[in-house]
N, C-alpha and C. Protein backbone atom coordinates (compact mmCIF):
# COMPACT_ATOMS: atom_id res chain seq x y z
N MET A 1 216.68 214.73 209.13
CA MET A 1 215.07 215.67 208.65
C MET A 1 215.28 216.85 208.83
N SER A 2 215.10 217.56 207.49
CA SER A 2 215.52 219.14 207.15
C SER A 2 213.88 219.85 208.27
N TYR A 3 214.60 220.98 208.24
CA TYR A 3 213.15 221.94 208.93
C TYR A 3 211.96 221.65 208.47
N ARG A 4 212.30 221.85 206.98
CA ARG A 4 210.95 221.72 206.10
C ARG A 4 210.14 220.78 206.08
N ASP A 5 211.04 219.57 206.37
CA ASP A 5 210.36 218.39 206.46
C ASP A 5 209.06 218.62 207.93
N PHE A 6 210.41 218.64 209.35
CA PHE A 6 209.44 218.73 210.49
C PHE A 6 208.35 219.78 210.76
N LYS A 7 208.48 220.90 209.79
CA LYS A 7 207.42 222.02 209.71
C LYS A 7 206.03 221.30 209.19
N SER A 8 206.17 220.43 208.11
CA SER A 8 204.86 220.33 207.14
C SER A 8 204.37 219.11 208.26
N LEU A 9 205.25 218.24 208.61
CA LEU A 9 204.98 217.47 209.73
C LEU A 9 203.69 217.52 210.68
N ASN A 10 204.48 218.57 211.49
CA ASN A 10 203.60 219.51 212.12
C ASN A 10 202.46 220.23 211.87
N LEU A 11 202.37 220.00 210.77
CA LEU A 11 201.12 221.00 210.04
C LEU A 11 199.98 219.74 209.79
N ALA A 12 200.99 218.41 209.17
CA ALA A 12 199.63 217.64 209.19
C ALA A 12 199.22 216.85 210.67
N LEU A 13 199.97 216.97 211.71
CA LEU A 13 199.61 216.84 212.76
C LEU A 13 198.53 217.46 213.82
N ALA A 14 198.69 218.59 213.03
CA ALA A 14 197.91 219.93 213.74
C ALA A 14 196.23 219.32 212.85
N SER A 15 196.71 219.32 211.73
CA SER A 15 195.50 219.35 210.95
C SER A 15 194.67 217.78 211.28
N PHE A 16 195.31 216.98 211.68
CA PHE A 16 194.83 215.64 212.03
C PHE A 16 193.97 215.85 213.49
N LYS A 17 194.71 216.39 214.65
CA LYS A 17 194.10 217.00 215.48
C LYS A 17 192.84 217.84 215.49
N LEU A 18 192.93 218.44 214.57
CA LEU A 18 191.75 219.43 214.12
C LEU A 18 190.28 218.35 213.86
N THR A 19 190.55 217.47 212.94
CA THR A 19 189.85 216.64 212.42
C THR A 19 188.98 215.87 213.36
N LEU A 20 189.98 215.24 214.45
CA LEU A 20 189.46 214.48 215.80
C LEU A 20 188.73 215.27 216.26
N VAL A 21 189.38 216.57 216.95
CA VAL A 21 188.19 217.55 217.25
C VAL A 21 186.83 217.59 216.74
N ASN A 22 186.66 218.19 215.28
CA ASN A 22 185.62 218.04 214.42
C ASN A 22 184.75 216.65 214.88
N THR A 23 185.24 215.46 214.78
CA THR A 23 184.38 214.37 214.86
C THR A 23 183.94 213.92 216.40
N ALA A 24 184.70 214.65 217.70
CA ALA A 24 184.13 215.03 218.60
C ALA A 24 183.31 215.26 218.89
N ASN A 25 183.18 216.80 218.04
CA ASN A 25 182.02 217.73 218.44
C ASN A 25 180.65 217.24 217.46
N LEU A 26 180.92 216.38 216.51
CA LEU A 26 179.98 215.77 215.91
C LEU A 26 179.09 214.72 216.79
N PHE A 27 180.02 213.97 217.26
CA PHE A 27 179.40 213.13 218.10
C PHE A 27 178.97 213.69 219.45
N ALA A 28 179.50 215.05 219.87
CA ALA A 28 178.59 215.62 221.00
C ALA A 28 177.35 216.12 220.32
N ALA A 29 177.08 216.26 218.89
CA ALA A 29 176.06 216.69 218.72
C ALA A 29 174.72 215.84 218.61
N ILE A 30 175.04 214.51 218.80
CA ILE A 30 174.51 213.46 219.07
C ILE A 30 174.05 212.81 220.11
N PRO A 31 172.43 212.62 220.07
CA PRO A 31 171.95 212.39 221.75
C PRO A 31 172.51 211.25 222.16
N GLY A 32 173.35 211.58 223.69
CA GLY A 32 173.95 210.06 223.95
C GLY A 32 175.10 209.64 223.78
N GLY A 33 176.03 210.71 222.64
CA GLY A 33 177.29 210.39 222.35
C GLY A 33 177.94 210.99 223.40
N LYS A 34 179.39 210.71 223.46
CA LYS A 34 180.46 210.88 225.06
C LYS A 34 181.76 211.55 224.33
N PRO A 35 181.69 212.35 223.97
CA PRO A 35 182.85 212.98 223.25
C PRO A 35 184.20 213.09 224.35
N SER A 36 183.62 213.25 225.72
CA SER A 36 184.38 213.44 226.60
C SER A 36 185.19 212.29 226.67
N ASN A 37 184.87 211.04 227.00
CA ASN A 37 185.75 209.84 226.39
C ASN A 37 186.62 209.66 225.49
N LEU A 38 186.51 210.18 224.27
CA LEU A 38 187.76 210.37 223.17
C LEU A 38 188.68 211.63 223.81
N LEU A 39 188.04 212.48 224.47
CA LEU A 39 189.39 213.51 224.55
C LEU A 39 189.82 213.51 225.77
N SER A 40 189.60 212.66 226.39
CA SER A 40 190.13 212.80 228.23
C SER A 40 191.29 212.01 227.77
């Protein structure tokens, strides 16, 4: 696997994590939502 492939894979992982965090924040905005369970 080349360094370029590795870099793009890291980028994909980073954006995926960002999406997860944003989703957790959405649940936090909902009364009764428990984002702490998702992040722990």
